Amino acid sequence: MTYSSPINVQAFLDEDIGSGDITALIIPETSMAVAEIITREAMVCCGQDWFNAVFKILQTDLYVQWHVQEGQWLEADTLLCTLKGNARSLLTGERTALNLLQTLSATATQARLYANAIAGTGCKILDTRKTIPGLRDAQKYAVICGGCHNHRIGLYDGILIKENHIMAAGSIALAIAQARQISDKLVEVEVESMTELEQALAAKPDRIMLDNFSIPQLRLAVNKVAGCCALEASGNILLTNIREIAETGVDYISVGALTKNVQAIDLSMRIVLEKDLCII
């Protein structure tokens, strides 16, 4: 995907702040502060632009100094960044900024673990549309940051014919034929058996998704297709079995867990200095 600047950040802030941060009002309006962000666990850092955008919206002259690189693997207790600026703005933006950073870092970390698990096989891991609402583009970016690849971004940039589409269209052949008539984008069809695989091959899609095929079935499918089109394995994919799946010779493996099963990284922000004067 083509990465653009963060979107939805204002909406995320509006959700949290509402009519105003009344707790922050206990801090003098002109009070300045320095804060540090650290990670409590190992992670891939991802989401710096989203984090920065939160504080840019709240106070354009608030300064964020990053001590690590986007996409870098970090050990627990690493100092990520230092923030300097208005104390109220720091406290008001804290949760929204950390929510974004911890979620995108979690997605990138998950992707890195899966990418490492199949290193050297020649297979590529794809994400899915099973993303957090409002964070589709951000999580898709995080997947790339972690070393995996994007499938479709949405329903508009690729055709994926699944079981219900086939039922509604009448057959695999009819579904693929209709897809070819309406678009020149990649056409992929999902199959659930060797019989459906043969039907799909006859209709000549660009890619076939093998849904919940066993390891022996995957090997058989790779031999049967023999390069006629790309093959993608899907369903019941775990870190514990993904390498064995990759070694069957499939071209792609799609993993919904990259974006839907993430556990937010444990991050912490601490005020380390307060001043009544501007910080230089």
C-alpha atoms as a PDB file:
ATOM      1  CA  MET A   1       0.000   0.000   0.000  1.00  0.00           C
ATOM      2  CA  THR A   2       1.008   3.632  -0.375  1.00  0.00           C
ATOM      3  CA  TYR A   3       1.443   5.048   3.087  1.00  0.00           C
ATOM      4  CA  SER A   4       0.070   8.532   3.665  1.00  0.00           C
ATOM      5  CA  SER A   5      -0.042  10.763   6.725  1.00  0.00           C
ATOM      6  CA  PRO A   6      -2.121   9.573   9.708  1.00  0.00           C
ATOM      7  CA  ILE A   7      -5.869  10.060   9.496  1.00  0.00           C
ATOM      8  CA  ASN A   8      -8.638   9.937  12.111  1.00  0.00           C
ATOM      9  CA  VAL A   9      -6.364  11.300  14.848  1.00  0.00           C
ATOM     10  CA  GLN A  10      -8.650  14.273  15.505  1.00  0.00           C
ATOM     11  CA  ALA A  11     -11.599  11.890  15.849  1.00  0.00           C
ATOM     12  CA  PHE A  12      -9.648   9.751  18.307  1.00  0.00           C
ATOM     13  CA  LEU A  13      -8.878  12.844  20.395  1.00  0.00           C
ATOM     14  CA  ASP A  14     -12.485  14.036  20.236  1.00  0.00           C
ATOM     15  CA  GLU A  15     -13.639  10.653  21.525  1.00  0.00           C
ATOM     16  CA  ASP A  16     -11.451  11.022  24.626  1.00  0.00           C
ATOM     17  CA  ILE A  17     -11.562  14.754  25.309  1.00  0.00           C
ATOM     18  CA  GLY A  18     -15.212  15.454  24.537  1.00  0.00           C
ATOM     19  CA  SER A  19     -16.138  18.872  25.949  1.00  0.00           C
ATOM     20  CA  GLY A  20     -12.724  19.218  27.613  1.00  0.00           C
ATOM     21  CA  ASP A  21     -10.125  17.546  29.836  1.00  0.00           C
ATOM     22  CA  ILE A  22     -11.331  18.701  33.240  1.00  0.00           C
ATOM     23  CA  THR A  23      -8.620  16.830  35.170  1.00  0.00           C
ATOM     24  CA  ALA A  24      -5.872  18.706  33.320  1.00  0.00           C
ATOM     25  CA  LEU A  25      -7.311  21.966  34.616  1.00  0.00           C
ATOM     26  CA  ILE A  26      -5.696  21.282  37.999  1.00  0.00           C
ATOM     27  CA  ILE A  27      -2.346  22.018  36.297  1.00  0.00           C
ATOM     28  CA  PRO A  28      -1.430  25.717  35.863  1.00  0.00           C
ATOM     29  CA  GLU A  29      -2.101  26.771  32.268  1.00  0.00           C
ATOM     30  CA  THR A  30       1.491  27.899  31.662  1.00  0.00           C
ATOM     31  CA  SER A  31       3.192  24.956  33.384  1.00  0.00           C
ATOM     32  CA  MET A  32       5.748  23.157  31.198  1.00  0.00           C
ATOM     33  CA  ALA A  33       6.894  19.560  31.575  1.00  0.00           C
ATOM     34  CA  VAL A  34       9.228  16.885  30.278  1.00  0.00           C
ATOM     35  CA  ALA A  35       7.961  13.307  29.924  1.00  0.00           C
ATOM     36  CA  GLU A  36       9.470  10.006  28.853  1.00  0.00           C
ATOM     37  CA  ILE A  37       7.863   7.009  27.152  1.00  0.00           C
ATOM     38  CA  ILE A  38       9.282   3.550  27.848  1.00  0.00           C
ATOM     39  CA  THR A  39       8.237   0.051  26.823  1.00  0.00           C
ATOM     40  CA  ARG A  40       7.697  -2.564  29.496  1.00  0.00           C
ATOM     41  CA  GLU A  41       8.122  -5.438  27.038  1.00  0.00           C
ATOM     42  CA  ALA A  42      10.020  -6.373  23.890  1.00  0.00           C
ATOM     43  CA  MET A  43       8.442  -4.987  20.730  1.00  0.00           C
ATOM     44  CA  VAL A  44       8.787  -3.578  17.232  1.00  0.00           C
ATOM     45  CA  CYS A  45       8.300   0.184  17.450  1.00  0.00           C
ATOM     46  CA  CYS A  46       5.541   1.316  15.096  1.00  0.00           C
ATOM     47  CA  GLY A  47       3.232   4.319  14.940  1.00  0.00           C
ATOM     48  CA  GLN A  48       5.548   7.248  15.573  1.00  0.00           C
ATOM     49  CA  ASP A  49       3.721   9.455  13.066  1.00  0.00           C
ATOM     50  CA  TRP A  50       0.366   8.766  14.752  1.00  0.00           C
ATOM     51  CA  PHE A  51       1.869   9.479  18.158  1.00  0.00           C
ATOM     52  CA  ASN A  52       3.390  12.741  16.923  1.00  0.00           C
ATOM     53  CA  ALA A  53       0.128  13.782  15.259  1.00  0.00           C
ATOM     54  CA  VAL A  54      -1.734  13.651  18.585  1.00  0.00           C
ATOM     55  CA  PHE A  55       0.506  16.244  20.173  1.00  0.00           C
ATOM     56  CA  LYS A  56       0.773  18.359  17.025  1.00  0.00           C
ATOM     57  CA  ILE A  57      -2.992  18.770  17.097  1.00  0.00           C
ATOM     58  CA  LEU A  58      -2.994  19.661  20.791  1.00  0.00           C
ATOM     59  CA  GLN A  59       0.001  21.993  20.703  1.00  0.00           C
ATOM     60  CA  THR A  60       1.974  22.637  17.539  1.00  0.00           C
ATOM     61  CA  ASP A  61       5.182  23.611  19.355  1.00  0.00           C
ATOM     62  CA  LEU A  62       5.299  20.557  21.621  1.00  0.00           C
ATOM     63  CA  TYR A  63       8.579  18.762  20.973  1.00  0.00           C
ATOM     64  CA  VAL A  64       8.908  14.977  20.602  1.00  0.00           C
ATOM     65  CA  GLN A  65      12.408  13.483  20.418  1.00  0.00           C
ATOM     66  CA  TRP A  66      12.532   9.839  19.376  1.00  0.00           C
ATOM     67  CA  HIS A  67      15.442   7.735  20.593  1.00  0.00           C
ATOM     68  CA  VAL A  68      14.564   4.669  18.472  1.00  0.00           C
ATOM     69  CA  GLN A  69      13.746   4.040  14.818  1.00  0.00           C
ATOM     70  CA  GLU A  70      10.383   3.098  13.336  1.00  0.00           C
ATOM     71  CA  GLY A  71      10.426  -0.661  12.715  1.00  0.00           C
ATOM     72  CA  GLN A  72      13.248  -1.285  15.205  1.00  0.00           C
ATOM     73  CA  TRP A  73      13.157  -4.317  17.500  1.00  0.00           C
ATOM     74  CA  LEU A  74      13.436  -3.144  21.115  1.00  0.00           C
ATOM     75  CA  GLU A  75      13.957  -4.920  24.396  1.00  0.00           C
ATOM     76  CA  ALA A  76      11.873  -4.249  27.523  1.00  0.00           C
ATOM     77  CA  ASP A  77      12.554  -1.029  29.451  1.00  0.00           C
ATOM     78  CA  THR A  78      13.858   0.806  26.382  1.00  0.00           C
ATOM     79  CA  LEU A  79      13.352   4.581  26.353  1.00  0.00           C
ATOM     80  CA  LEU A  80      11.313   5.334  23.234  1.00  0.00           C
ATOM     81  CA  CYS A  81      11.014   9.105  23.241  1.00  0.00           C
ATOM     82  CA  THR A  82      11.137  12.296  25.283  1.00  0.00           C
ATOM     83  CA  LEU A  83       8.410  14.934  25.125  1.00  0.00           C
ATOM     84  CA  LYS A  84       8.770  18.598  26.079  1.00  0.00           C
ATOM     85  CA  GLY A  85       6.020  21.184  26.211  1.00  0.00           C
ATOM     86  CA  ASN A  86       2.875  22.358  27.922  1.00  0.00           C
ATOM     87  CA  ALA A  87       2.004  20.051  30.817  1.00  0.00           C
ATOM     88  CA  ARG A  88      -1.734  20.141  30.134  1.00  0.00           C
ATOM     89  CA  SER A  89      -1.220  19.131  26.504  1.00  0.00           C
ATOM     90  CA  LEU A  90       1.080  16.284  27.500  1.00  0.00           C
ATOM     91  CA  LEU A  91      -1.461  14.895  29.952  1.00  0.00           C
ATOM     92  CA  THR A  92      -4.473  15.396  27.675  1.00  0.00           C
ATOM     93  CA  GLY A  93      -2.844  13.587  24.758  1.00  0.00           C
ATOM     94  CA  GLU A  94      -1.191  10.841  26.780  1.00  0.00           C
ATOM     95  CA  ARG A  95      -3.821   8.125  26.498  1.00  0.00           C
ATOM     96  CA  THR A  96      -4.745   8.649  22.843  1.00  0.00           C
ATOM     97  CA  ALA A  97      -1.086   8.753  21.809  1.00  0.00           C
ATOM     98  CA  LEU A  98      -0.205   5.662  23.826  1.00  0.00           C
ATOM     99  CA  ASN A  99      -3.280   3.784  22.577  1.00  0.00           C
ATOM    100  CA  LEU A 100      -2.174   4.299  18.993  1.00  0.00           C
ATOM    101  CA  LEU A 101       1.480   3.519  19.624  1.00  0.00           C
ATOM    102  CA  GLN A 102       0.801   0.407  21.707  1.00  0.00           C
ATOM    103  CA  THR A 103      -1.712  -0.993  19.189  1.00  0.00           C
ATOM    104  CA  LEU A 104       0.378  -0.377  16.074  1.00  0.00           C
ATOM    105  CA  SER A 105       3.538  -1.624  17.795  1.00  0.00           C
ATOM    106  CA  ALA A 106       1.630  -4.756  18.816  1.00  0.00           C
ATOM    107  CA  THR A 107       0.555  -5.322  15.209  1.00  0.00           C
ATOM    108  CA  ALA A 108       4.096  -4.813  13.911  1.00  0.00           C
ATOM    109  CA  THR A 109       5.491  -7.084  16.628  1.00  0.00           C
ATOM    110  CA  GLN A 110       3.038  -9.831  15.744  1.00  0.00           C
ATOM    111  CA  ALA A 111       3.964  -9.472  12.079  1.00  0.00           C
ATOM    112  CA  ARG A 112       7.678  -9.680  12.884  1.00  0.00           C
ATOM    113  CA  LEU A 113       7.196 -12.923  14.835  1.00  0.00           C
ATOM    114  CA  TYR A 114       5.314 -14.500  11.925  1.00  0.00           C
ATOM    115  CA  ALA A 115       7.791 -13.223   9.330  1.00  0.00           C
ATOM    116  CA  ASN A 116      10.706 -14.618  11.325  1.00  0.00           C
ATOM    117  CA  ALA A 117       8.942 -17.981  11.605  1.00  0.00           C
ATOM    118  CA  ILE A 118       9.026 -18.563   7.823  1.00  0.00           C
ATOM    119  CA  ALA A 119      12.311 -16.822   7.014  1.00  0.00           C
ATOM    120  CA  GLY A 120      14.137 -18.423   4.090  1.00  0.00           C
ATOM    121  CA  THR A 121      11.136 -20.316   2.672  1.00  0.00           C
ATOM    122  CA  GLY A 122      10.289 -17.872  -0.124  1.00  0.00           C
ATOM    123  CA  CYS A 123       6.677 -17.704   1.064  1.00  0.00           C
ATOM    124  CA  LYS A 124       5.022 -14.363   1.906  1.00  0.00           C
ATOM    125  CA  ILE A 125       2.650 -13.735   4.800  1.00  0.00           C
ATOM    126  CA  LEU A 126      -0.422 -11.621   4.032  1.00  0.00           C
ATOM    127  CA  ASP A 127      -2.753  -9.772   6.367  1.00  0.00           C
ATOM    128  CA  THR A 128      -6.558  -9.724   6.024  1.00  0.00           C
ATOM    129  CA  ARG A 129      -9.431  -7.241   6.406  1.00  0.00           C
ATOM    130  CA  LYS A 130      -9.897  -8.350  10.023  1.00  0.00           C
ATOM    131  CA  THR A 131      -8.710  -5.013  11.356  1.00  0.00           C
ATOM    132  CA  ILE A 132      -9.781  -2.676  14.152  1.00  0.00           C
ATOM    133  CA  PRO A 133     -12.467  -0.289  12.797  1.00  0.00           C
ATOM    134  CA  GLY A 134     -10.955   3.113  12.083  1.00  0.00           C
ATOM    135  CA  LEU A 135      -7.415   1.728  12.012  1.00  0.00           C
ATOM    136  CA  ARG A 136      -7.416  -0.172   8.706  1.00  0.00           C
ATOM    137  CA  ASP A 137      -4.699   1.861   6.982  1.00  0.00           C
ATOM    138  CA  ALA A 138      -2.669   2.171  10.181  1.00  0.00           C
ATOM    139  CA  GLN A 139      -2.677  -1.567  10.885  1.00  0.00           C
ATOM    140  CA  LYS A 140      -1.931  -2.371   7.253  1.00  0.00           C
ATOM    141  CA  TYR A 141       1.080  -0.058   7.539  1.00  0.00           C
ATOM    142  CA  ALA A 142       2.122  -1.766  10.794  1.00  0.00           C
ATOM    143  CA  VAL A 143       2.018  -5.172   9.095  1.00  0.00           C
ATOM    144  CA  ILE A 144       4.515  -3.931   6.514  1.00  0.00           C
ATOM    145  CA  CYS A 145       6.600  -2.337   9.259  1.00  0.00           C
ATOM    146  CA  GLY A 146       6.799  -5.749  10.912  1.00  0.00           C
ATOM    147  CA  GLY A 147       7.979  -7.505   7.752  1.00  0.00           C
ATOM    148  CA  CYS A 148       4.799  -9.057   6.323  1.00  0.00           C
ATOM    149  CA  HIS A 149       2.655  -7.997   3.355  1.00  0.00           C
ATOM    150  CA  ASN A 150      -0.771  -6.567   2.605  1.00  0.00           C
ATOM    151  CA  HIS A 151      -3.595  -8.498   0.959  1.00  0.00           C
ATOM    152  CA  ARG A 152      -6.468  -6.273  -0.153  1.00  0.00           C
ATOM    153  CA  ILE A 153      -6.777  -2.930   1.600  1.00  0.00           C
ATOM    154  CA  GLY A 154     -10.551  -3.094   1.183  1.00  0.00           C
ATOM    155  CA  LEU A 155     -13.296  -4.375  -1.071  1.00  0.00           C
ATOM    156  CA  TYR A 156     -12.270  -2.025  -3.885  1.00  0.00           C
ATOM    157  CA  ASP A 157      -8.737  -3.083  -4.817  1.00  0.00           C
ATOM    158  CA  GLY A 158      -9.010  -6.799  -5.470  1.00  0.00           C
ATOM    159  CA  ILE A 159     -11.589  -9.531  -6.086  1.00  0.00           C
ATOM    160  CA  LEU A 160     -11.762 -12.372  -3.574  1.00  0.00           C
ATOM    161  CA  ILE A 161     -14.502 -14.865  -4.385  1.00  0.00           C
ATOM    162  CA  LYS A 162     -15.473 -16.818  -1.269  1.00  0.00           C
ATOM    163  CA  GLU A 163     -18.015 -19.540  -0.507  1.00  0.00           C
ATOM    164  CA  ASN A 164     -21.038 -17.231  -0.295  1.00  0.00           C
ATOM    165  CA  HIS A 165     -20.095 -15.460  -3.535  1.00  0.00           C
ATOM    166  CA  ILE A 166     -19.884 -18.830  -5.272  1.00  0.00           C
ATOM    167  CA  MET A 167     -23.271 -19.881  -3.931  1.00  0.00           C
ATOM    168  CA  ALA A 168     -24.849 -16.611  -5.045  1.00  0.00           C
ATOM    169  CA  ALA A 169     -23.186 -16.659  -8.477  1.00  0.00           C
ATOM    170  CA  GLY A 170     -24.054 -20.308  -9.191  1.00  0.00           C
ATOM    171  CA  SER A 171     -20.606 -21.882  -9.535  1.00  0.00           C
ATOM    172  CA  ILE A 172     -16.882 -21.203  -9.315  1.00  0.00           C
ATOM    173  CA  ALA A 173     -16.649 -20.920 -13.098  1.00  0.00           C
ATOM    174  CA  LEU A 174     -19.525 -18.447 -13.342  1.00  0.00           C
ATOM    175  CA  ALA A 175     -18.156 -16.355 -10.479  1.00  0.00           C
ATOM    176  CA  ILE A 176     -14.692 -16.074 -12.035  1.00  0.00           C
ATOM    177  CA  ALA A 177     -16.095 -15.370 -15.507  1.00  0.00           C
ATOM    178  CA  GLN A 178     -18.226 -12.545 -14.134  1.00  0.00           C
ATOM    179  CA  ALA A 179     -15.264 -11.166 -12.205  1.00  0.00           C
ATOM    180  CA  ARG A 180     -13.200 -11.000 -15.411  1.00  0.00           C
ATOM    181  CA  GLN A 181     -15.961  -9.031 -17.099  1.00  0.00           C
ATOM    182  CA  ILE A 182     -16.291  -6.351 -14.429  1.00  0.00           C
ATOM    183  CA  SER A 183     -12.671  -5.679 -13.475  1.00  0.00           C
ATOM    184  CA  ASP A 184      -9.057  -6.090 -14.517  1.00  0.00           C
ATOM    185  CA  LYS A 185      -7.883  -6.356 -10.900  1.00  0.00           C
ATOM    186  CA  LEU A 186      -6.460  -9.549  -9.385  1.00  0.00           C
ATOM    187  CA  VAL A 187      -9.050 -12.326  -9.174  1.00  0.00           C
ATOM    188  CA  GLU A 188      -8.724 -14.808  -6.336  1.00  0.00           C
ATOM    189  CA  VAL A 189     -11.083 -17.637  -5.461  1.00  0.00           C
ATOM    190  CA  GLU A 190     -11.364 -19.620  -2.230  1.00  0.00           C
ATOM    191  CA  VAL A 191     -11.691 -23.409  -2.414  1.00  0.00           C
ATOM    192  CA  GLU A 192     -12.360 -25.925   0.348  1.00  0.00           C
ATOM    193  CA  SER A 193     -11.601 -29.240  -1.371  1.00  0.00           C
ATOM    194  CA  MET A 194      -9.512 -30.826  -4.122  1.00  0.00           C
ATOM    195  CA  THR A 195     -12.636 -31.033  -6.299  1.00  0.00           C
ATOM    196  CA  GLU A 196     -13.170 -27.272  -5.977  1.00  0.00           C
ATOM    197  CA  LEU A 197      -9.477 -26.742  -6.674  1.00  0.00           C
ATOM    198  CA  GLU A 198      -9.829 -28.525 -10.014  1.00  0.00           C
ATOM    199  CA  GLN A 199     -12.908 -26.427 -10.856  1.00  0.00           C
ATOM    200  CA  ALA A 200     -11.033 -23.256  -9.993  1.00  0.00           C
ATOM    201  CA  LEU A 201      -7.990 -24.225 -12.056  1.00  0.00           C
ATOM    202  CA  ALA A 202     -10.194 -24.773 -15.100  1.00  0.00           C
ATOM    203  CA  ALA A 203     -11.578 -21.221 -14.712  1.00  0.00           C
ATOM    204  CA  LYS A 204      -8.060 -19.718 -14.566  1.00  0.00           C
ATOM    205  CA  PRO A 205      -8.051 -17.248 -11.662  1.00  0.00           C
ATOM    206  CA  ASP A 206      -4.921 -15.306 -10.740  1.00  0.00           C
ATOM    207  CA  ARG A 207      -4.730 -16.872  -7.296  1.00  0.00           C
ATOM    208  CA  ILE A 208      -6.431 -19.707  -5.417  1.00  0.00           C
ATOM    209  CA  MET A 209      -6.945 -19.621  -1.660  1.00  0.00           C
ATOM    210  CA  LEU A 210      -6.749 -23.077  -0.057  1.00  0.00           C
ATOM    211  CA  ASP A 211      -9.005 -22.862   2.979  1.00  0.00           C
ATOM    212  CA  ASN A 212      -8.174 -25.175   5.880  1.00  0.00           C
ATOM    213  CA  PHE A 213      -6.256 -27.669   3.747  1.00  0.00           C
ATOM    214  CA  SER A 214      -4.149 -30.210   5.622  1.00  0.00           C
ATOM    215  CA  ILE A 215      -0.391 -30.366   5.071  1.00  0.00           C
ATOM    216  CA  PRO A 216      -0.685 -33.380   2.708  1.00  0.00           C
ATOM    217  CA  GLN A 217      -3.492 -31.598   0.814  1.00  0.00           C
ATOM    218  CA  LEU A 218      -1.388 -28.444   0.493  1.00  0.00           C
ATOM    219  CA  ARG A 219       1.513 -30.434  -0.961  1.00  0.00           C
ATOM    220  CA  LEU A 220      -0.840 -32.175  -3.381  1.00  0.00           C
ATOM    221  CA  ALA A 221      -2.344 -28.825  -4.416  1.00  0.00           C
ATOM    222  CA  VAL A 222       1.102 -27.327  -5.070  1.00  0.00           C
ATOM    223  CA  ASN A 223       1.986 -30.284  -7.308  1.00  0.00           C
ATOM    224  CA  LYS A 224      -1.350 -30.155  -9.116  1.00  0.00           C
ATOM    225  CA  VAL A 225      -1.224 -26.408  -9.797  1.00  0.00           C
ATOM    226  CA  ALA A 226       2.467 -26.530 -10.824  1.00  0.00           C
ATOM    227  CA  GLY A 227       2.772 -22.787 -11.291  1.00  0.00           C
ATOM    228  CA  CYS A 228      -0.453 -22.253 -13.255  1.00  0.00           C
ATOM    229  CA  CYS A 229      -1.495 -19.660 -10.714  1.00  0.00           C
ATOM    230  CA  ALA A 230      -0.471 -18.463  -7.257  1.00  0.00           C
ATOM    231  CA  LEU A 231      -1.560 -20.424  -4.190  1.00  0.00           C
ATOM    232  CA  GLU A 232      -2.487 -18.998  -0.818  1.00  0.00           C
ATOM    233  CA  ALA A 233      -3.014 -21.067   2.338  1.00  0.00           C
ATOM    234  CA  SER A 234      -5.567 -19.825   4.856  1.00  0.00           C
ATOM    235  CA  GLY A 235      -7.339 -20.993   7.988  1.00  0.00           C
ATOM    236  CA  ASN A 236      -6.063 -22.226  11.351  1.00  0.00           C
ATOM    237  CA  ILE A 237      -2.654 -20.617  10.848  1.00  0.00           C
ATOM    238  CA  LEU A 238      -0.550 -20.392  14.025  1.00  0.00           C
ATOM    239  CA  LEU A 239       3.036 -19.558  14.859  1.00  0.00           C
ATOM    240  CA  THR A 240       3.471 -23.217  15.740  1.00  0.00           C
ATOM    241  CA  ASN A 241       2.485 -24.552  12.311  1.00  0.00           C
ATOM    242  CA  ILE A 242       3.169 -21.729   9.863  1.00  0.00           C
ATOM    243  CA  ARG A 243       6.657 -22.849   8.869  1.00  0.00           C
ATOM    244  CA  GLU A 244       5.447 -26.352   7.996  1.00  0.00           C
ATOM    245  CA  ILE A 245       2.720 -24.748   5.875  1.00  0.00           C
ATOM    246  CA  ALA A 246       5.211 -22.449   4.148  1.00  0.00           C
ATOM    247  CA  GLU A 247       7.480 -25.387   3.355  1.00  0.00           C
ATOM    248  CA  THR A 248       4.721 -27.078   1.321  1.00  0.00           C
ATOM    249  CA  GLY A 249       5.523 -24.627  -1.478  1.00  0.00           C
ATOM    250  CA  VAL A 250       2.516 -22.291  -1.335  1.00  0.00           C
ATOM    251  CA  ASP A 251       3.217 -18.743  -2.454  1.00  0.00           C
ATOM    252  CA  TYR A 252       1.291 -16.951   0.281  1.00  0.00           C
ATOM    253  CA  ILE A 253      -0.189 -17.562   3.712  1.00  0.00           C
ATOM    254  CA  SER A 254      -2.911 -15.203   4.972  1.00  0.00           C
ATOM    255  CA  VAL A 255      -3.060 -14.671   8.732  1.00  0.00           C
ATOM    256  CA  GLY A 256      -5.957 -12.822  10.363  1.00  0.00           C
ATOM    257  CA  ALA A 257      -4.142 -12.903  13.702  1.00  0.00           C
ATOM    258  CA  LEU A 258      -1.724 -10.230  12.486  1.00  0.00           C
ATOM    259  CA  THR A 259      -4.364  -7.571  13.057  1.00  0.00           C
ATOM    260  CA  LYS A 260      -7.232  -9.082  15.050  1.00  0.00           C
ATOM    261  CA  ASN A 261      -5.468 -11.038  17.798  1.00  0.00           C
ATOM    262  CA  VAL A 262      -2.975  -8.398  18.887  1.00  0.00           C
ATOM    263  CA  GLN A 263      -2.375  -7.633  22.558  1.00  0.00           C
ATOM    264  CA  ALA A 264      -1.400  -4.023  23.124  1.00  0.00           C
ATOM    265  CA  ILE A 265       2.212  -3.428  24.112  1.00  0.00           C
ATOM    266  CA  ASP A 266       2.686  -2.267  27.711  1.00  0.00           C
ATOM    267  CA  LEU A 267       3.941   1.319  27.455  1.00  0.00           C
ATOM    268  CA  SER A 268       4.387   3.925  30.169  1.00  0.00           C
ATOM    269  CA  MET A 269       4.640   7.728  30.199  1.00  0.00           C
ATOM    270  CA  ARG A 270       6.185   9.463  33.193  1.00  0.00           C
ATOM    271  CA  ILE A 271       6.608  13.168  33.882  1.00  0.00           C
ATOM    272  CA  VAL A 272      10.285  13.602  34.779  1.00  0.00           C
ATOM    273  CA  LEU A 273      10.537  17.414  35.011  1.00  0.00           C
ATOM    274  CA  GLU A 274       8.178  20.342  35.509  1.00  0.00           C
ATOM    275  CA  LYS A 275       8.950  24.017  34.969  1.00  0.00           C
ATOM    276  CA  ASP A 276       7.026  27.259  34.953  1.00  0.00           C
ATOM    277  CA  LEU A 277       9.230  28.573  32.142  1.00  0.00           C
ATOM    278  CA  CYS A 278       9.507  27.464  28.546  1.00  0.00           C
ATOM    279  CA  ILE A 279      11.809  24.477  27.989  1.00  0.00           C
ATOM    280  CA  ILE A 280      14.506  24.933  25.365  1.00  0.00           C
END
